[in-house]
Amino acid sequence: MSKDTTLTIRLNKDVKAHASEVAAGMGIDLSMAVNMFLVELTKANELPFVPTGKSNFPDIWNDDPKDIAAFNQQIGIMADGVSHGGENTD
Protein backbone atom coordinates (compact mmCIF):
# COMPACT_ATOMS: atom_id res chain seq x y z
CA MET A 1 0.00 0.00 0.00
CA SER A 2 1.25 3.50 -0.75
CA LYS A 3 2.17 6.00 1.89
CA ASP A 4 -0.20 8.88 2.64
CA THR A 5 1.06 12.21 1.40
CA THR A 6 0.06 15.77 2.04
CA LEU A 7 -1.57 17.66 -0.81
CA THR A 8 -2.61 21.28 -0.75
CA ILE A 9 -6.00 21.98 -2.31
CA ARG A 10 -7.38 25.51 -2.60
CA LEU A 11 -10.93 25.80 -1.33
CA ASN A 12 -13.41 28.59 -0.83
CA LYS A 13 -13.28 29.25 2.92
CA ASP A 14 -17.06 29.36 3.32
CA VAL A 15 -17.54 26.12 1.37
CA LYS A 16 -14.76 24.49 3.40
CA ALA A 17 -16.33 25.58 6.69
CA HIS A 18 -19.77 24.31 5.72
CA ALA A 19 -18.37 21.04 4.32
CA SER A 20 -16.42 20.53 7.56
CA GLU A 21 -19.66 20.89 9.54
CA VAL A 22 -21.48 18.44 7.29
CA ALA A 23 -18.64 15.91 7.50
CA ALA A 24 -18.46 16.29 11.30
CA GLY A 25 -22.18 15.59 11.45
CA MET A 26 -21.43 12.24 9.79
CA GLY A 27 -18.63 11.50 12.25
CA ILE A 28 -15.72 12.13 9.88
CA ASP A 29 -13.35 14.99 9.27
CA LEU A 30 -13.02 16.91 6.00
CA SER A 31 -9.78 15.15 5.08
CA MET A 32 -11.49 11.76 5.30
CA ALA A 33 -14.45 13.06 3.28
CA VAL A 34 -12.14 14.32 0.52
CA ASN A 35 -10.25 11.01 0.50
CA MET A 36 -13.54 9.11 0.25
CA PHE A 37 -14.57 11.32 -2.67
CA LEU A 38 -11.25 10.74 -4.46
CA VAL A 39 -11.44 6.96 -3.95
CA GLU A 40 -14.93 6.90 -5.47
CA LEU A 41 -13.82 9.18 -8.31
CA THR A 42 -10.98 6.84 -9.23
CA LYS A 43 -13.07 3.66 -8.84
CA ALA A 44 -15.83 4.91 -11.14
CA ASN A 45 -13.55 6.99 -13.37
CA GLU A 46 -16.24 9.68 -13.20
CA LEU A 47 -17.85 11.93 -10.62
CA PRO A 48 -19.55 9.81 -7.96
CA PHE A 49 -22.66 12.00 -8.09
CA VAL A 50 -24.81 13.87 -10.57
CA PRO A 51 -24.19 17.61 -10.31
CA THR A 52 -27.38 19.53 -9.57
CA GLY A 53 -28.43 23.14 -9.52
CA LYS A 54 -28.52 25.84 -12.15
CA SER A 55 -26.25 25.13 -15.08
CA ASN A 56 -23.79 27.75 -16.29
CA PHE A 57 -24.15 26.43 -19.82
CA PRO A 58 -26.17 28.41 -22.35
CA ASP A 59 -29.76 27.26 -22.78
CA ILE A 60 -28.98 26.17 -26.34
CA TRP A 61 -27.02 23.22 -24.86
CA ASN A 62 -30.37 21.82 -23.76
CA ASP A 63 -32.03 22.29 -27.14
CA ASP A 64 -32.82 19.49 -29.54
CA PRO A 65 -29.84 18.87 -31.90
CA LYS A 66 -32.20 19.04 -34.90
CA ASP A 67 -33.33 22.53 -33.83
CA ILE A 68 -29.71 23.63 -33.44
CA ALA A 69 -28.81 22.26 -36.89
CA ALA A 70 -31.81 24.02 -38.45
CA PHE A 71 -30.86 27.31 -36.77
CA ASN A 72 -27.23 26.96 -37.89
CA GLN A 73 -28.38 26.30 -41.46
CA GLN A 74 -30.68 29.33 -41.32
CA ILE A 75 -27.79 31.62 -40.37
CA GLY A 76 -25.40 30.00 -42.85
CA ILE A 77 -23.28 27.78 -40.64
CA MET A 78 -23.01 24.32 -42.11
CA ALA A 79 -21.85 21.16 -40.33
CA ASP A 80 -18.23 22.10 -41.07
CA GLY A 81 -18.53 25.00 -38.59
CA VAL A 82 -17.73 27.62 -41.24
CA SER A 83 -20.03 30.55 -41.93
CA HIS A 84 -21.14 30.46 -45.55
CA GLY A 85 -22.67 33.94 -45.57
CA GLY A 86 -26.31 33.05 -45.09
CA GLU A 87 -26.77 35.15 -41.96
CA ASN A 88 -30.23 36.59 -41.62
CA THR A 89 -29.92 40.39 -41.52
CA ASP A 90 -33.61 41.18 -40.98
PDB file of N, CA and C in Angstrom:
ATOM      1  N   MET A   1       0.840  -1.178   0.000  1.00  0.00           N
ATOM      2  CA  MET A   1       0.000   0.000   0.000  1.00  0.00           C
ATOM      3  C   MET A   1       0.890   1.249   0.000  1.00  0.00           C
ATOM      4  N   SER A   2       0.444   2.288  -0.677  1.00  0.00           N
ATOM      5  CA  SER A   2       1.249   3.502  -0.750  1.00  0.00           C
ATOM      6  C   SER A   2       1.120   4.323   0.521  1.00  0.00           C
ATOM      7  N   LYS A   3       2.126   5.132   0.726  1.00  0.00           N
ATOM      8  CA  LYS A   3       2.168   6.004   1.888  1.00  0.00           C
ATOM      9  C   LYS A   3       1.273   7.212   1.685  1.00  0.00           C
ATOM     10  N   ASP A   4       0.601   7.657   2.738  1.00  0.00           N
ATOM     11  CA  ASP A   4      -0.197   8.880   2.644  1.00  0.00           C
ATOM     12  C   ASP A   4       0.733  10.060   2.434  1.00  0.00           C
ATOM     13  N   THR A   5       0.286  10.996   1.625  1.00  0.00           N
ATOM     14  CA  THR A   5       1.058  12.209   1.398  1.00  0.00           C
ATOM     15  C   THR A   5       0.166  13.411   1.647  1.00  0.00           C
ATOM     16  N   THR A   6       0.802  14.535   1.840  1.00  0.00           N
ATOM     17  CA  THR A   6       0.063  15.771   2.042  1.00  0.00           C
ATOM     18  C   THR A   6      -0.073  16.474   0.704  1.00  0.00           C
ATOM     19  N   LEU A   7      -1.271  16.946   0.417  1.00  0.00           N
ATOM     20  CA  LEU A   7      -1.565  17.659  -0.811  1.00  0.00           C
ATOM     21  C   LEU A   7      -2.315  18.924  -0.438  1.00  0.00           C
ATOM     22  N   THR A   8      -1.914  20.022  -1.006  1.00  0.00           N
ATOM     23  CA  THR A   8      -2.607  21.276  -0.754  1.00  0.00           C
ATOM     24  C   THR A   8      -3.669  21.481  -1.826  1.00  0.00           C
ATOM     25  N   ILE A   9      -4.897  21.707  -1.396  1.00  0.00           N
ATOM     26  CA  ILE A   9      -6.000  21.982  -2.307  1.00  0.00           C
ATOM     27  C   ILE A   9      -6.594  23.327  -1.915  1.00  0.00           C
ATOM     28  N   ARG A  10      -6.780  24.203  -2.877  1.00  0.00           N
ATOM     29  CA  ARG A  10      -7.378  25.506  -2.597  1.00  0.00           C
ATOM     30  C   ARG A  10      -8.893  25.363  -2.560  1.00  0.00           C
ATOM     31  N   LEU A  11      -9.487  25.872  -1.507  1.00  0.00           N
ATOM     32  CA  LEU A  11     -10.932  25.799  -1.333  1.00  0.00           C
ATOM     33  C   LEU A  11     -11.481  27.156  -0.943  1.00  0.00           C
ATOM     34  N   ASN A  12     -12.707  27.414  -1.307  1.00  0.00           N
ATOM     35  CA  ASN A  12     -13.407  28.590  -0.833  1.00  0.00           C
ATOM     36  C   ASN A  12     -13.603  28.411   0.670  1.00  0.00           C
ATOM     37  N   LYS A  13     -13.241  29.413   1.468  1.00  0.00           N
ATOM     38  CA  LYS A  13     -13.275  29.246   2.922  1.00  0.00           C
ATOM     39  C   LYS A  13     -14.672  28.971   3.459  1.00  0.00           C
ATOM     40  N   ASP A  14     -15.695  29.592   2.855  1.00  0.00           N
ATOM     41  CA  ASP A  14     -17.060  29.356   3.315  1.00  0.00           C
ATOM     42  C   ASP A  14     -17.523  27.937   2.984  1.00  0.00           C
ATOM     43  N   VAL A  15     -17.183  27.484   1.775  1.00  0.00           N
ATOM     44  CA  VAL A  15     -17.539  26.121   1.371  1.00  0.00           C
ATOM     45  C   VAL A  15     -16.815  25.126   2.273  1.00  0.00           C
ATOM     46  N   LYS A  16     -15.542  25.381   2.535  1.00  0.00           N
ATOM     47  CA  LYS A  16     -14.759  24.489   3.399  1.00  0.00           C
ATOM     48  C   LYS A  16     -15.368  24.410   4.800  1.00  0.00           C
ATOM     49  N   ALA A  17     -15.756  25.551   5.343  1.00  0.00           N
ATOM     50  CA  ALA A  17     -16.332  25.575   6.691  1.00  0.00           C
ATOM     51  C   ALA A  17     -17.638  24.795   6.732  1.00  0.00           C
ATOM     52  N   HIS A  18     -18.494  25.009   5.740  1.00  0.00           N
ATOM     53  CA  HIS A  18     -19.775  24.307   5.716  1.00  0.00           C
ATOM     54  C   HIS A  18     -19.561  22.807   5.499  1.00  0.00           C
ATOM     55  N   ALA A  19     -18.664  22.453   4.581  1.00  0.00           N
ATOM     56  CA  ALA A  19     -18.375  21.038   4.317  1.00  0.00           C
ATOM     57  C   ALA A  19     -17.804  20.366   5.565  1.00  0.00           C
ATOM     58  N   SER A  20     -16.981  21.079   6.314  1.00  0.00           N
ATOM     59  CA  SER A  20     -16.424  20.531   7.557  1.00  0.00           C
ATOM     60  C   SER A  20     -17.536  20.215   8.558  1.00  0.00           C
ATOM     61  N   GLU A  21     -18.521  21.113   8.637  1.00  0.00           N
ATOM     62  CA  GLU A  21     -19.658  20.892   9.537  1.00  0.00           C
ATOM     63  C   GLU A  21     -20.474  19.677   9.108  1.00  0.00           C
ATOM     64  N   VAL A  22     -20.708  19.566   7.805  1.00  0.00           N
ATOM     65  CA  VAL A  22     -21.479  18.436   7.288  1.00  0.00           C
ATOM     66  C   VAL A  22     -20.731  17.127   7.559  1.00  0.00           C
ATOM     67  N   ALA A  23     -19.444  17.113   7.272  1.00  0.00           N
ATOM     68  CA  ALA A  23     -18.641  15.907   7.503  1.00  0.00           C
ATOM     69  C   ALA A  23     -18.631  15.548   8.988  1.00  0.00           C
ATOM     70  N   ALA A  24     -18.463  16.542   9.852  1.00  0.00           N
ATOM     71  CA  ALA A  24     -18.462  16.294  11.295  1.00  0.00           C
ATOM     72  C   ALA A  24     -19.784  15.692  11.749  1.00  0.00           C
ATOM     73  N   GLY A  25     -20.876  16.138  11.131  1.00  0.00           N
ATOM     74  CA  GLY A  25     -22.184  15.589  11.449  1.00  0.00           C
ATOM     75  C   GLY A  25     -22.306  14.116  11.084  1.00  0.00           C
ATOM     76  N   MET A  26     -21.443  13.653  10.175  1.00  0.00           N
ATOM     77  CA  MET A  26     -21.430  12.242   9.789  1.00  0.00           C
ATOM     78  C   MET A  26     -20.352  11.462  10.541  1.00  0.00           C
ATOM     79  N   GLY A  27     -19.651  12.169  11.446  1.00  0.00           N
ATOM     80  CA  GLY A  27     -18.633  11.500  12.250  1.00  0.00           C
ATOM     81  C   GLY A  27     -17.273  11.360  11.583  1.00  0.00           C
ATOM     82  N   ILE A  28     -17.033  12.146  10.540  1.00  0.00           N
ATOM     83  CA  ILE A  28     -15.723  12.126   9.879  1.00  0.00           C
ATOM     84  C   ILE A  28     -15.198  13.544   9.761  1.00  0.00           C
ATOM     85  N   ASP A  29     -13.889  13.658   9.495  1.00  0.00           N
ATOM     86  CA  ASP A  29     -13.353  14.993   9.268  1.00  0.00           C
ATOM     87  C   ASP A  29     -13.311  15.273   7.766  1.00  0.00           C
ATOM     88  N   LEU A  30     -12.998  16.503   7.405  1.00  0.00           N
ATOM     89  CA  LEU A  30     -13.019  16.910   6.004  1.00  0.00           C
ATOM     90  C   LEU A  30     -11.975  16.151   5.196  1.00  0.00           C
ATOM     91  N   SER A  31     -10.828  15.888   5.779  1.00  0.00           N
ATOM     92  CA  SER A  31      -9.784  15.145   5.085  1.00  0.00           C
ATOM     93  C   SER A  31     -10.279  13.757   4.690  1.00  0.00           C
ATOM     94  N   MET A  32     -10.956  13.088   5.604  1.00  0.00           N
ATOM     95  CA  MET A  32     -11.486  11.761   5.298  1.00  0.00           C
ATOM     96  C   MET A  32     -12.558  11.858   4.215  1.00  0.00           C
ATOM     97  N   ALA A  33     -13.404  12.878   4.291  1.00  0.00           N
ATOM     98  CA  ALA A  33     -14.454  13.056   3.282  1.00  0.00           C
ATOM     99  C   ALA A  33     -13.844  13.263   1.897  1.00  0.00           C
ATOM    100  N   VAL A  34     -12.806  14.077   1.808  1.00  0.00           N
ATOM    101  CA  VAL A  34     -12.144  14.318   0.524  1.00  0.00           C
ATOM    102  C   VAL A  34     -11.501  13.034   0.019  1.00  0.00           C
ATOM    103  N   ASN A  35     -10.852  12.289   0.902  1.00  0.00           N
ATOM    104  CA  ASN A  35     -10.249  11.015   0.500  1.00  0.00           C
ATOM    105  C   ASN A  35     -11.310  10.041   0.003  1.00  0.00           C
ATOM    106  N   MET A  36     -12.457   9.992   0.681  1.00  0.00           N
ATOM    107  CA  MET A  36     -13.540   9.112   0.247  1.00  0.00           C
ATOM    108  C   MET A  36     -14.025   9.518  -1.149  1.00  0.00           C
ATOM    109  N   PHE A  37     -14.158  10.820  -1.364  1.00  0.00           N
ATOM    110  CA  PHE A  37     -14.569  11.319  -2.674  1.00  0.00           C
ATOM    111  C   PHE A  37     -13.569  10.897  -3.753  1.00  0.00           C
ATOM    112  N   LEU A  38     -12.276  11.074  -3.470  1.00  0.00           N
ATOM    113  CA  LEU A  38     -11.251  10.741  -4.462  1.00  0.00           C
ATOM    114  C   LEU A  38     -11.195   9.246  -4.750  1.00  0.00           C
ATOM    115  N   VAL A  39     -11.408   8.409  -3.735  1.00  0.00           N
ATOM    116  CA  VAL A  39     -11.441   6.963  -3.948  1.00  0.00           C
ATOM    117  C   VAL A  39     -12.597   6.608  -4.884  1.00  0.00           C
ATOM    118  N   GLU A  40     -13.772   7.173  -4.619  1.00  0.00           N
ATOM    119  CA  GLU A  40     -14.932   6.899  -5.466  1.00  0.00           C
ATOM    120  C   GLU A  40     -14.726   7.430  -6.882  1.00  0.00           C
ATOM    121  N   LEU A  41     -14.112   8.590  -7.010  1.00  0.00           N
ATOM    122  CA  LEU A  41     -13.824   9.182  -8.312  1.00  0.00           C
ATOM    123  C   LEU A  41     -12.934   8.256  -9.128  1.00  0.00           C
ATOM    124  N   THR A  42     -11.904   7.699  -8.503  1.00  0.00           N
ATOM    125  CA  THR A  42     -10.983   6.835  -9.226  1.00  0.00           C
ATOM    126  C   THR A  42     -11.576   5.451  -9.490  1.00  0.00           C
ATOM    127  N   LYS A  43     -12.436   4.958  -8.605  1.00  0.00           N
ATOM    128  CA  LYS A  43     -13.074   3.657  -8.842  1.00  0.00           C
ATOM    129  C   LYS A  43     -14.032   3.718 -10.017  1.00  0.00           C
ATOM    130  N   ALA A  44     -14.805   4.774 -10.093  1.00  0.00           N
ATOM    131  CA  ALA A  44     -15.829   4.907 -11.140  1.00  0.00           C
ATOM    132  C   ALA A  44     -15.279   5.564 -12.406  1.00  0.00           C
ATOM    133  N   ASN A  45     -14.145   6.227 -12.273  1.00  0.00           N
ATOM    134  CA  ASN A  45     -13.552   6.989 -13.373  1.00  0.00           C
ATOM    135  C   ASN A  45     -14.499   8.081 -13.873  1.00  0.00           C
ATOM    136  N   GLU A  46     -15.318   8.574 -12.944  1.00  0.00           N
ATOM    137  CA  GLU A  46     -16.237   9.679 -13.200  1.00  0.00           C
ATOM    138  C   GLU A  46     -16.679  10.239 -11.852  1.00  0.00           C
ATOM    139  N   LEU A  47     -17.366  11.372 -11.879  1.00  0.00           N
ATOM    140  CA  LEU A  47     -17.855  11.932 -10.623  1.00  0.00           C
ATOM    141  C   LEU A  47     -18.807  10.940  -9.959  1.00  0.00           C
ATOM    142  N   PRO A  48     -18.688  10.772  -8.654  1.00  0.00           N
ATOM    143  CA  PRO A  48     -19.549   9.808  -7.960  1.00  0.00           C
ATOM    144  C   PRO A  48     -20.925  10.375  -7.601  1.00  0.00           C
ATOM    145  N   PHE A  49     -21.362  11.382  -8.311  1.00  0.00           N
ATOM    146  CA  PHE A  49     -22.664  11.998  -8.087  1.00  0.00           C
ATOM    147  C   PHE A  49     -23.057  12.726  -9.351  1.00  0.00           C
ATOM    148  N   VAL A  50     -24.318  13.077  -9.450  1.00  0.00           N
ATOM    149  CA  VAL A  50     -24.810  13.869 -10.573  1.00  0.00           C
ATOM    150  C   VAL A  50     -24.900  15.316 -10.100  1.00  0.00           C
ATOM    151  N   PRO A  51     -24.122  16.210 -10.720  1.00  0.00           N
ATOM    152  CA  PRO A  51     -24.195  17.615 -10.310  1.00  0.00           C
ATOM    153  C   PRO A  51     -25.620  18.144 -10.462  1.00  0.00           C
ATOM    154  N   THR A  52     -26.046  18.946  -9.518  1.00  0.00           N
ATOM    155  CA  THR A  52     -27.381  19.531  -9.567  1.00  0.00           C
ATOM    156  C   THR A  52     -27.280  21.039  -9.459  1.00  0.00           C
ATOM    157  N   GLY A  53     -28.401  21.689  -9.624  1.00  0.00           N
ATOM    158  CA  GLY A  53     -28.430  23.140  -9.520  1.00  0.00           C
ATOM    159  C   GLY A  53     -28.469  23.777 -10.892  1.00  0.00           C
ATOM    160  N   LYS A  54     -28.438  25.080 -10.900  1.00  0.00           N
ATOM    161  CA  LYS A  54     -28.516  25.836 -12.147  1.00  0.00           C
ATOM    162  C   LYS A  54     -27.230  25.652 -12.936  1.00  0.00           C
ATOM    163  N   SER A  55     -27.389  25.322 -14.195  1.00  0.00           N
ATOM    164  CA  SER A  55     -26.251  25.130 -15.082  1.00  0.00           C
ATOM    165  C   SER A  55     -25.710  26.478 -15.533  1.00  0.00           C
ATOM    166  N   ASN A  56     -24.406  26.554 -15.732  1.00  0.00           N
ATOM    167  CA  ASN A  56     -23.789  27.755 -16.286  1.00  0.00           C
ATOM    168  C   ASN A  56     -23.719  27.695 -17.808  1.00  0.00           C
ATOM    169  N   PHE A  57     -24.182  26.568 -18.381  1.00  0.00           N
ATOM    170  CA  PHE A  57     -24.149  26.428 -19.818  1.00  0.00           C
ATOM    171  C   PHE A  57     -25.298  27.201 -20.447  1.00  0.00           C
ATOM    172  N   PRO A  58     -25.081  27.704 -21.660  1.00  0.00           N
ATOM    173  CA  PRO A  58     -26.171  28.409 -22.345  1.00  0.00           C
ATOM    174  C   PRO A  58     -27.364  27.483 -22.549  1.00  0.00           C
ATOM    175  N   ASP A  59     -28.558  28.058 -22.592  1.00  0.00           N
ATOM    176  CA  ASP A  59     -29.765  27.264 -22.781  1.00  0.00           C
ATOM    177  C   ASP A  59     -29.719  26.422 -24.047  1.00  0.00           C
ATOM    178  N   ILE A  60     -29.015  26.901 -25.077  1.00  0.00           N
ATOM    179  CA  ILE A  60     -28.976  26.172 -26.335  1.00  0.00           C
ATOM    180  C   ILE A  60     -28.398  24.768 -26.135  1.00  0.00           C
ATOM    181  N   TRP A  61     -27.579  24.547 -25.114  1.00  0.00           N
ATOM    182  CA  TRP A  61     -27.015  23.224 -24.863  1.00  0.00           C
ATOM    183  C   TRP A  61     -28.111  22.221 -24.523  1.00  0.00           C
ATOM    184  N   ASN A  62     -29.264  22.702 -24.106  1.00  0.00           N
ATOM    185  CA  ASN A  62     -30.368  21.821 -23.759  1.00  0.00           C
ATOM    186  C   ASN A  62     -31.368  21.666 -24.897  1.00  0.00           C
ATOM    187  N   ASP A  63     -31.114  22.348 -26.002  1.00  0.00           N
ATOM    188  CA  ASP A  63     -32.029  22.290 -27.138  1.00  0.00           C
ATOM    189  C   ASP A  63     -31.845  20.998 -27.924  1.00  0.00           C
ATOM    190  N   ASP A  64     -32.855  20.661 -28.671  1.00  0.00           N
ATOM    191  CA  ASP A  64     -32.816  19.493 -29.539  1.00  0.00           C
ATOM    192  C   ASP A  64     -31.752  19.703 -30.620  1.00  0.00           C
ATOM    193  N   PRO A  65     -30.881  18.729 -30.868  1.00  0.00           N
ATOM    194  CA  PRO A  65     -29.839  18.873 -31.896  1.00  0.00           C
ATOM    195  C   PRO A  65     -30.394  19.199 -33.282  1.00  0.00           C
ATOM    196  N   LYS A  66     -31.592  18.722 -33.599  1.00  0.00           N
ATOM    197  CA  LYS A  66     -32.199  19.037 -34.899  1.00  0.00           C
ATOM    198  C   LYS A  66     -32.543  20.521 -34.975  1.00  0.00           C
ATOM    199  N   ASP A  67     -33.021  21.098 -33.865  1.00  0.00           N
ATOM    200  CA  ASP A  67     -33.328  22.527 -33.827  1.00  0.00           C
ATOM    201  C   ASP A  67     -32.058  23.354 -33.988  1.00  0.00           C
ATOM    202  N   ILE A  68     -30.996  22.914 -33.339  1.00  0.00           N
ATOM    203  CA  ILE A  68     -29.712  23.626 -33.437  1.00  0.00           C
ATOM    204  C   ILE A  68     -29.203  23.576 -34.871  1.00  0.00           C
ATOM    205  N   ALA A  69     -29.266  22.396 -35.503  1.00  0.00           N
ATOM    206  CA  ALA A  69     -28.807  22.259 -36.895  1.00  0.00           C
ATOM    207  C   ALA A  69     -29.625  23.144 -37.821  1.00  0.00           C
ATOM    208  N   ALA A  70     -30.950  23.184 -37.619  1.00  0.00           N
ATOM    209  CA  ALA A  70     -31.811  24.023 -38.450  1.00  0.00           C
ATOM    210  C   ALA A  70     -31.470  25.499 -38.264  1.00  0.00           C
ATOM    211  N   PHE A  71     -31.231  25.917 -37.037  1.00  0.00           N
ATOM    212  CA  PHE A  71     -30.863  27.306 -36.772  1.00  0.00           C
ATOM    213  C   PHE A  71     -29.534  27.633 -37.437  1.00  0.00           C
ATOM    214  N   ASN A  72     -28.549  26.729 -37.275  1.00  0.00           N
ATOM    215  CA  ASN A  72     -27.234  26.958 -37.889  1.00  0.00           C
ATOM    216  C   ASN A  72     -27.355  27.077 -39.400  1.00  0.00           C
ATOM    217  N   GLN A  73     -28.188  26.235 -40.012  1.00  0.00           N
ATOM    218  CA  GLN A  73     -28.376  26.296 -41.459  1.00  0.00           C
ATOM    219  C   GLN A  73     -29.028  27.625 -41.852  1.00  0.00           C
ATOM    220  N   GLN A  74     -29.981  28.068 -41.042  1.00  0.00           N
ATOM    221  CA  GLN A  74     -30.676  29.325 -41.316  1.00  0.00           C
ATOM    222  C   GLN A  74     -29.698  30.497 -41.317  1.00  0.00           C
ATOM    223  N   ILE A  75     -28.727  30.495 -40.426  1.00  0.00           N
ATOM    224  CA  ILE A  75     -27.786  31.619 -40.373  1.00  0.00           C
ATOM    225  C   ILE A  75     -26.536  31.377 -41.205  1.00  0.00           C
ATOM    226  N   GLY A  76     -26.495  30.232 -41.907  1.00  0.00           N
ATOM    227  CA  GLY A  76     -25.405  29.999 -42.850  1.00  0.00           C
ATOM    228  C   GLY A  76     -24.235  29.232 -42.300  1.00  0.00           C
ATOM    229  N   ILE A  77     -24.373  28.589 -41.172  1.00  0.00           N
ATOM    230  CA  ILE A  77     -23.285  27.782 -40.640  1.00  0.00           C
ATOM    231  C   ILE A  77     -23.613  26.324 -40.929  1.00  0.00           C
ATOM    232  N   MET A  78     -22.788  25.708 -41.753  1.00  0.00           N
ATOM    233  CA  MET A  78     -23.010  24.320 -42.111  1.00  0.00           C
ATOM    234  C   MET A  78     -22.301  23.428 -41.093  1.00  0.00           C
ATOM    235  N   ALA A  79     -22.415  22.133 -41.266  1.00  0.00           N
ATOM    236  CA  ALA A  79     -21.848  21.163 -40.331  1.00  0.00           C
ATOM    237  C   ALA A  79     -20.335  21.291 -40.191  1.00  0.00           C
ATOM    238  N   ASP A  80     -19.684  21.948 -41.161  1.00  0.00           N
ATOM    239  CA  ASP A  80     -18.230  22.098 -41.072  1.00  0.00           C
ATOM    240  C   ASP A  80     -17.831  23.231 -40.135  1.00  0.00           C
ATOM    241  N   GLY A  81     -18.812  23.952 -39.545  1.00  0.00           N
ATOM    242  CA  GLY A  81     -18.533  25.005 -38.589  1.00  0.00           C
ATOM    243  C   GLY A  81     -18.151  26.334 -39.212  1.00  0.00           C
ATOM    244  N   VAL A  82     -18.126  26.401 -40.545  1.00  0.00           N
ATOM    245  CA  VAL A  82     -17.733  27.620 -41.243  1.00  0.00           C
ATOM    246  C   VAL A  82     -18.970  28.402 -41.653  1.00  0.00           C
ATOM    247  N   SER A  83     -18.916  29.719 -41.490  1.00  0.00           N
ATOM    248  CA  SER A  83     -20.025  30.553 -41.927  1.00  0.00           C
ATOM    249  C   SER A  83     -19.972  30.680 -43.440  1.00  0.00           C
ATOM    250  N   HIS A  84     -21.092  30.407 -44.096  1.00  0.00           N
ATOM    251  CA  HIS A  84     -21.142  30.458 -45.548  1.00  0.00           C
ATOM    252  C   HIS A  84     -21.948  31.666 -46.030  1.00  0.00           C
ATOM    253  N   GLY A  85     -22.081  32.664 -45.167  1.00  0.00           N
ATOM    254  CA  GLY A  85     -22.665  33.936 -45.574  1.00  0.00           C
ATOM    255  C   GLY A  85     -24.171  33.984 -45.636  1.00  0.00           C
ATOM    256  N   GLY A  86     -24.855  33.051 -45.030  1.00  0.00           N
ATOM    257  CA  GLY A  86     -26.310  33.048 -45.091  1.00  0.00           C
ATOM    258  C   GLY A  86     -26.960  33.696 -43.886  1.00  0.00           C
ATOM    259  N   GLU A  87     -26.211  34.523 -43.152  1.00  0.00           N
ATOM    260  CA  GLU A  87     -26.770  35.148 -41.964  1.00  0.00           C
ATOM    261  C   GLU A  87     -28.010  35.941 -42.309  1.00  0.00           C
ATOM    262  N   ASN A  88     -28.996  35.842 -41.444  1.00  0.00           N
ATOM    263  CA  ASN A  88     -30.235  36.593 -41.620  1.00  0.00           C
ATOM    264  C   ASN A  88     -30.016  37.996 -41.090  1.00  0.00           C
ATOM    265  N   THR A  89     -30.180  39.009 -41.922  1.00  0.00           N
ATOM    266  CA  THR A  89     -29.925  40.391 -41.519  1.00  0.00           C
ATOM    267  C   THR A  89     -31.197  41.174 -41.284  1.00  0.00           C
ATOM    268  N   ASP A  90     -32.339  40.489 -41.205  1.00  0.00           N
ATOM    269  CA  ASP A  90     -33.609  41.180 -40.982  1.00  0.00           C
ATOM    270  C   ASP A  90     -33.653  41.815 -39.612  1.00  0.00           C
TER     271      ASP A  90
END
